[in-house]
Amino acid sequence: MHNLPLTTLLLAALLGLSQCTKKDPDPVDQLPPATQTGANTVGCLLNGQLWAPVGNGTSKNFFIDYDTGYTGGLFNLSVEKDLGNNTLPSPQTLSIYVNPLPQTGVYLLTDLNRTRVLFNDPTRRCVYESREVGTYCRGTLTITRLDMQARIIAGTFEFTLAKPGCDTLKFTQGRFDKKL
């Protein structure tokens, strides 16, 4: 009888310890905050997993070119993610181009005359080019702040890319905040 409380206590402790498992952080929680302060951040989810440049915020891995004087405003976002794999010829790269982009607002990435989305993925051995025949691209780029006096551009994006012979890629919850 004296062993019953000790046995119960040991079983309860063992049950409690078996419930301790290390959980991976939620990819959404790893995204940079959606700010509009010129924080020099960018990130998104790619098929539900975090996709952000290595060295987030460095000019080598993330830049935005915005030229107000070129046909109503030329916007080009470019991001590189070094995969740390010396056997691959290049990093993953994402580029979103819109022209003209004169102000804040929502821009459809389906307008092939004024937009271009490019994703080079050496791990999948696929290059997705929205203007290439047979490539599917649907989504939006939303500019939430375009402040030329403060030299800040910020926004969000989401889109899907598909190409015969390649995986379908879903970029969701994309956000950027850049000091120009």
C-alpha atoms as a PDB file:
ATOM      1  CA  MET A   1       0.000   0.000   0.000  1.00  0.00           C
ATOM      2  CA  HIS A   2       2.843   2.360   0.718  1.00  0.00           C
ATOM      3  CA  ASN A   3       4.084   1.945  -2.873  1.00  0.00           C
ATOM      4  CA  LEU A   4       0.785   3.061  -4.450  1.00  0.00           C
ATOM      5  CA  PRO A   5       1.352   6.830  -3.903  1.00  0.00           C
ATOM      6  CA  LEU A   6       4.981   6.509  -5.055  1.00  0.00           C
ATOM      7  CA  THR A   7       3.967   4.516  -8.144  1.00  0.00           C
ATOM      8  CA  THR A   8       1.219   7.027  -8.955  1.00  0.00           C
ATOM      9  CA  LEU A   9       3.659   9.900  -8.559  1.00  0.00           C
ATOM     10  CA  LEU A  10       6.241   8.227 -10.818  1.00  0.00           C
ATOM     11  CA  LEU A  11       3.624   7.436 -13.482  1.00  0.00           C
ATOM     12  CA  ALA A  12       2.347  11.035 -13.386  1.00  0.00           C
ATOM     13  CA  ALA A  13       5.907  12.367 -13.755  1.00  0.00           C
ATOM     14  CA  LEU A  14       6.629   9.989 -16.625  1.00  0.00           C
ATOM     15  CA  LEU A  15       3.402  11.006 -18.371  1.00  0.00           C
ATOM     16  CA  GLY A  16       4.241  14.681 -17.896  1.00  0.00           C
ATOM     17  CA  LEU A  17       7.745  14.242 -19.298  1.00  0.00           C
ATOM     18  CA  SER A  18       6.484  12.316 -22.296  1.00  0.00           C
ATOM     19  CA  GLN A  19       4.371  15.344 -23.248  1.00  0.00           C
ATOM     20  CA  CYS A  20       7.464  17.568 -23.516  1.00  0.00           C
ATOM     21  CA  THR A  21       8.324  17.811 -27.173  1.00  0.00           C
ATOM     22  CA  LYS A  22      10.184  20.581 -28.849  1.00  0.00           C
ATOM     23  CA  LYS A  23       7.929  22.175 -31.429  1.00  0.00           C
ATOM     24  CA  ASP A  24       9.276  23.905 -34.482  1.00  0.00           C
ATOM     25  CA  PRO A  25       8.343  27.573 -34.562  1.00  0.00           C
ATOM     26  CA  ASP A  26       5.373  28.512 -36.715  1.00  0.00           C
ATOM     27  CA  PRO A  27       6.712  29.845 -40.060  1.00  0.00           C
ATOM     28  CA  VAL A  28       4.325  32.826 -39.818  1.00  0.00           C
ATOM     29  CA  ASP A  29       5.972  33.843 -36.534  1.00  0.00           C
ATOM     30  CA  GLN A  30       9.373  33.879 -38.284  1.00  0.00           C
ATOM     31  CA  LEU A  31       8.314  36.438 -40.902  1.00  0.00           C
ATOM     32  CA  PRO A  32       9.548  39.983 -40.445  1.00  0.00           C
ATOM     33  CA  PRO A  33       6.846  42.311 -39.129  1.00  0.00           C
ATOM     34  CA  ALA A  34       4.750  44.108 -41.754  1.00  0.00           C
ATOM     35  CA  THR A  35       6.156  47.578 -41.081  1.00  0.00           C
ATOM     36  CA  GLN A  36       6.281  50.823 -43.060  1.00  0.00           C
ATOM     37  CA  THR A  37       9.308  52.457 -41.457  1.00  0.00           C
ATOM     38  CA  GLY A  38      12.139  51.645 -43.859  1.00  0.00           C
ATOM     39  CA  ALA A  39      13.232  48.636 -41.774  1.00  0.00           C
ATOM     40  CA  ASN A  40      14.994  46.977 -44.755  1.00  0.00           C
ATOM     41  CA  THR A  41      13.168  43.666 -44.317  1.00  0.00           C
ATOM     42  CA  VAL A  42      11.541  41.189 -46.660  1.00  0.00           C
ATOM     43  CA  GLY A  43      10.075  37.725 -46.325  1.00  0.00           C
ATOM     44  CA  CYS A  44       7.211  35.453 -47.292  1.00  0.00           C
ATOM     45  CA  LEU A  45       5.969  31.921 -47.029  1.00  0.00           C
ATOM     46  CA  LEU A  46       6.811  29.645 -49.950  1.00  0.00           C
ATOM     47  CA  ASN A  47       4.443  26.681 -49.935  1.00  0.00           C
ATOM     48  CA  GLY A  48       3.888  27.310 -46.217  1.00  0.00           C
ATOM     49  CA  GLN A  49       7.579  27.546 -45.249  1.00  0.00           C
ATOM     50  CA  LEU A  50       9.581  30.660 -44.406  1.00  0.00           C
ATOM     51  CA  TRP A  51      11.401  32.141 -47.387  1.00  0.00           C
ATOM     52  CA  ALA A  52      13.628  35.113 -46.668  1.00  0.00           C
ATOM     53  CA  PRO A  53      17.076  36.210 -47.753  1.00  0.00           C
ATOM     54  CA  VAL A  54      20.065  35.011 -45.835  1.00  0.00           C
ATOM     55  CA  GLY A  55      21.520  38.124 -44.256  1.00  0.00           C
ATOM     56  CA  ASN A  56      18.086  39.798 -44.205  1.00  0.00           C
ATOM     57  CA  GLY A  57      18.355  43.508 -44.816  1.00  0.00           C
ATOM     58  CA  THR A  58      21.727  43.493 -46.536  1.00  0.00           C
ATOM     59  CA  SER A  59      21.995  45.178 -49.903  1.00  0.00           C
ATOM     60  CA  LYS A  60      23.593  42.029 -51.314  1.00  0.00           C
ATOM     61  CA  ASN A  61      20.510  39.896 -50.629  1.00  0.00           C
ATOM     62  CA  PHE A  62      17.619  42.358 -50.941  1.00  0.00           C
ATOM     63  CA  PHE A  63      17.155  45.508 -52.920  1.00  0.00           C
ATOM     64  CA  ILE A  64      14.391  47.595 -54.411  1.00  0.00           C
ATOM     65  CA  ASP A  65      14.915  49.895 -57.321  1.00  0.00           C
ATOM     66  CA  TYR A  66      12.216  52.548 -57.678  1.00  0.00           C
ATOM     67  CA  ASP A  67      12.634  55.170 -60.386  1.00  0.00           C
ATOM     68  CA  THR A  68       9.921  57.860 -60.378  1.00  0.00           C
ATOM     69  CA  GLY A  69      11.163  59.366 -63.626  1.00  0.00           C
ATOM     70  CA  TYR A  70      10.882  56.272 -65.783  1.00  0.00           C
ATOM     71  CA  THR A  71       7.447  56.019 -67.492  1.00  0.00           C
ATOM     72  CA  GLY A  72       5.356  56.646 -64.411  1.00  0.00           C
ATOM     73  CA  GLY A  73       7.466  54.830 -61.851  1.00  0.00           C
ATOM     74  CA  LEU A  74       9.509  51.681 -62.303  1.00  0.00           C
ATOM     75  CA  PHE A  75       9.498  49.196 -59.395  1.00  0.00           C
ATOM     76  CA  ASN A  76      11.860  46.232 -59.153  1.00  0.00           C
ATOM     77  CA  LEU A  77      12.162  44.096 -56.028  1.00  0.00           C
ATOM     78  CA  SER A  78      14.981  41.554 -56.006  1.00  0.00           C
ATOM     79  CA  VAL A  79      15.762  39.011 -53.277  1.00  0.00           C
ATOM     80  CA  GLU A  80      18.421  36.285 -53.086  1.00  0.00           C
ATOM     81  CA  LYS A  81      18.458  33.336 -50.729  1.00  0.00           C
ATOM     82  CA  ASP A  82      21.826  31.645 -50.494  1.00  0.00           C
ATOM     83  CA  LEU A  83      21.117  27.993 -49.848  1.00  0.00           C
ATOM     84  CA  GLY A  84      24.600  27.349 -48.476  1.00  0.00           C
ATOM     85  CA  ASN A  85      25.103  24.514 -50.931  1.00  0.00           C
ATOM     86  CA  ASN A  86      28.313  24.762 -52.954  1.00  0.00           C
ATOM     87  CA  THR A  87      27.096  22.146 -55.451  1.00  0.00           C
ATOM     88  CA  LEU A  88      24.293  24.406 -56.740  1.00  0.00           C
ATOM     89  CA  PRO A  89      25.218  26.987 -59.382  1.00  0.00           C
ATOM     90  CA  SER A  90      23.329  29.914 -57.857  1.00  0.00           C
ATOM     91  CA  PRO A  91      21.049  30.979 -55.011  1.00  0.00           C
ATOM     92  CA  GLN A  92      17.280  31.046 -55.190  1.00  0.00           C
ATOM     93  CA  THR A  93      16.227  34.438 -56.535  1.00  0.00           C
ATOM     94  CA  LEU A  94      12.914  36.249 -56.622  1.00  0.00           C
ATOM     95  CA  SER A  95      12.204  39.344 -58.693  1.00  0.00           C
ATOM     96  CA  ILE A  96       8.971  41.315 -59.016  1.00  0.00           C
ATOM     97  CA  TYR A  97       8.836  44.065 -61.639  1.00  0.00           C
ATOM     98  CA  VAL A  98       5.997  46.563 -62.200  1.00  0.00           C
ATOM     99  CA  ASN A  99       5.986  49.507 -64.613  1.00  0.00           C
ATOM    100  CA  PRO A 100       4.289  51.894 -64.308  1.00  0.00           C
ATOM    101  CA  LEU A 101       3.826  52.015 -60.557  1.00  0.00           C
ATOM    102  CA  PRO A 102       2.919  55.648 -59.842  1.00  0.00           C
ATOM    103  CA  GLN A 103       1.332  55.367 -56.374  1.00  0.00           C
ATOM    104  CA  THR A 104       0.182  53.145 -53.527  1.00  0.00           C
ATOM    105  CA  GLY A 105      -2.422  50.553 -54.440  1.00  0.00           C
ATOM    106  CA  VAL A 106      -2.960  47.011 -55.657  1.00  0.00           C
ATOM    107  CA  TYR A 107      -1.208  45.840 -58.838  1.00  0.00           C
ATOM    108  CA  LEU A 108      -2.272  42.613 -60.548  1.00  0.00           C
ATOM    109  CA  LEU A 109       0.678  40.430 -61.487  1.00  0.00           C
ATOM    110  CA  THR A 110      -1.313  38.991 -64.415  1.00  0.00           C
ATOM    111  CA  ASP A 111      -0.793  42.058 -66.632  1.00  0.00           C
ATOM    112  CA  LEU A 112       2.122  40.822 -68.726  1.00  0.00           C
ATOM    113  CA  ASN A 113       2.531  44.214 -70.415  1.00  0.00           C
ATOM    114  CA  ARG A 114       3.433  45.920 -67.156  1.00  0.00           C
ATOM    115  CA  THR A 115       4.497  43.193 -64.691  1.00  0.00           C
ATOM    116  CA  ARG A 116       7.037  40.420 -64.519  1.00  0.00           C
ATOM    117  CA  VAL A 117       7.669  37.803 -61.846  1.00  0.00           C
ATOM    118  CA  LEU A 118      10.798  35.680 -61.943  1.00  0.00           C
ATOM    119  CA  PHE A 119      11.814  32.896 -59.566  1.00  0.00           C
ATOM    120  CA  ASN A 120      14.982  30.902 -60.167  1.00  0.00           C
ATOM    121  CA  ASP A 121      15.141  27.747 -58.114  1.00  0.00           C
ATOM    122  CA  PRO A 122      18.270  25.626 -58.630  1.00  0.00           C
ATOM    123  CA  THR A 123      17.045  23.064 -56.068  1.00  0.00           C
ATOM    124  CA  ARG A 124      14.060  22.272 -58.289  1.00  0.00           C
ATOM    125  CA  ARG A 125      16.035  22.970 -61.476  1.00  0.00           C
ATOM    126  CA  CYS A 126      13.290  25.346 -62.591  1.00  0.00           C
ATOM    127  CA  VAL A 127      13.175  28.941 -63.685  1.00  0.00           C
ATOM    128  CA  TYR A 128       9.712  30.460 -63.480  1.00  0.00           C
ATOM    129  CA  GLU A 129       9.215  33.484 -65.736  1.00  0.00           C
ATOM    130  CA  SER A 130       5.709  34.966 -65.788  1.00  0.00           C
ATOM    131  CA  ARG A 131       6.099  36.253 -69.341  1.00  0.00           C
ATOM    132  CA  GLU A 132       7.190  32.862 -70.671  1.00  0.00           C
ATOM    133  CA  VAL A 133       4.551  30.985 -72.650  1.00  0.00           C
ATOM    134  CA  GLY A 134       3.118  28.169 -70.540  1.00  0.00           C
ATOM    135  CA  THR A 135       3.966  29.736 -67.174  1.00  0.00           C
ATOM    136  CA  TYR A 136       1.016  30.449 -64.915  1.00  0.00           C
ATOM    137  CA  CYS A 137       1.200  33.516 -62.656  1.00  0.00           C
ATOM    138  CA  ARG A 138      -1.683  34.897 -60.612  1.00  0.00           C
ATOM    139  CA  GLY A 139      -1.449  37.262 -57.679  1.00  0.00           C
ATOM    140  CA  THR A 140      -1.007  40.798 -56.459  1.00  0.00           C
ATOM    141  CA  LEU A 141       1.566  43.296 -55.308  1.00  0.00           C
ATOM    142  CA  THR A 142       0.174  45.879 -52.895  1.00  0.00           C
ATOM    143  CA  ILE A 143       2.130  49.066 -52.218  1.00  0.00           C
ATOM    144  CA  THR A 144       1.094  50.304 -48.779  1.00  0.00           C
ATOM    145  CA  ARG A 145       3.590  53.150 -48.480  1.00  0.00           C
ATOM    146  CA  LEU A 146       5.388  55.079 -51.192  1.00  0.00           C
ATOM    147  CA  ASP A 147       6.972  58.090 -49.539  1.00  0.00           C
ATOM    148  CA  MET A 148       9.591  59.788 -51.682  1.00  0.00           C
ATOM    149  CA  GLN A 149      10.350  62.466 -49.076  1.00  0.00           C
ATOM    150  CA  ALA A 150      11.160  59.885 -46.395  1.00  0.00           C
ATOM    151  CA  ARG A 151      12.510  57.561 -49.139  1.00  0.00           C
ATOM    152  CA  ILE A 152      10.495  54.555 -47.926  1.00  0.00           C
ATOM    153  CA  ILE A 153       8.585  51.951 -49.903  1.00  0.00           C
ATOM    154  CA  ALA A 154       6.620  49.157 -48.239  1.00  0.00           C
ATOM    155  CA  GLY A 155       4.028  46.623 -49.226  1.00  0.00           C
ATOM    156  CA  THR A 156       2.811  43.069 -49.475  1.00  0.00           C
ATOM    157  CA  PHE A 157       2.606  40.389 -52.141  1.00  0.00           C
ATOM    158  CA  GLU A 158       1.108  37.003 -52.828  1.00  0.00           C
ATOM    159  CA  PHE A 159       1.073  34.961 -55.972  1.00  0.00           C
ATOM    160  CA  THR A 160       1.155  31.480 -57.450  1.00  0.00           C
ATOM    161  CA  LEU A 161       3.601  30.306 -60.107  1.00  0.00           C
ATOM    162  CA  ALA A 162       3.231  27.107 -62.099  1.00  0.00           C
ATOM    163  CA  LYS A 163       5.065  25.719 -65.067  1.00  0.00           C
ATOM    164  CA  PRO A 164       4.903  22.351 -66.872  1.00  0.00           C
ATOM    165  CA  GLY A 165       7.533  20.010 -65.445  1.00  0.00           C
ATOM    166  CA  CYS A 166       7.974  22.108 -62.274  1.00  0.00           C
ATOM    167  CA  ASP A 167       6.270  22.251 -58.891  1.00  0.00           C
ATOM    168  CA  THR A 168       3.510  24.783 -58.291  1.00  0.00           C
ATOM    169  CA  LEU A 169       4.814  27.510 -55.984  1.00  0.00           C
ATOM    170  CA  LYS A 170       2.561  29.521 -53.666  1.00  0.00           C
ATOM    171  CA  PHE A 171       4.082  32.680 -52.251  1.00  0.00           C
ATOM    172  CA  THR A 172       1.873  33.949 -49.401  1.00  0.00           C
ATOM    173  CA  GLN A 173       2.025  36.610 -46.690  1.00  0.00           C
ATOM    174  CA  GLY A 174       4.882  38.345 -48.500  1.00  0.00           C
ATOM    175  CA  ARG A 175       5.958  41.683 -47.081  1.00  0.00           C
ATOM    176  CA  PHE A 176       8.720  44.189 -47.612  1.00  0.00           C
ATOM    177  CA  ASP A 177       9.778  47.475 -46.077  1.00  0.00           C
ATOM    178  CA  LYS A 178      12.742  49.269 -47.650  1.00  0.00           C
ATOM    179  CA  LYS A 179      14.583  52.528 -47.291  1.00  0.00           C
ATOM    180  CA  LEU A 180      15.315  53.747 -50.804  1.00  0.00           C
END
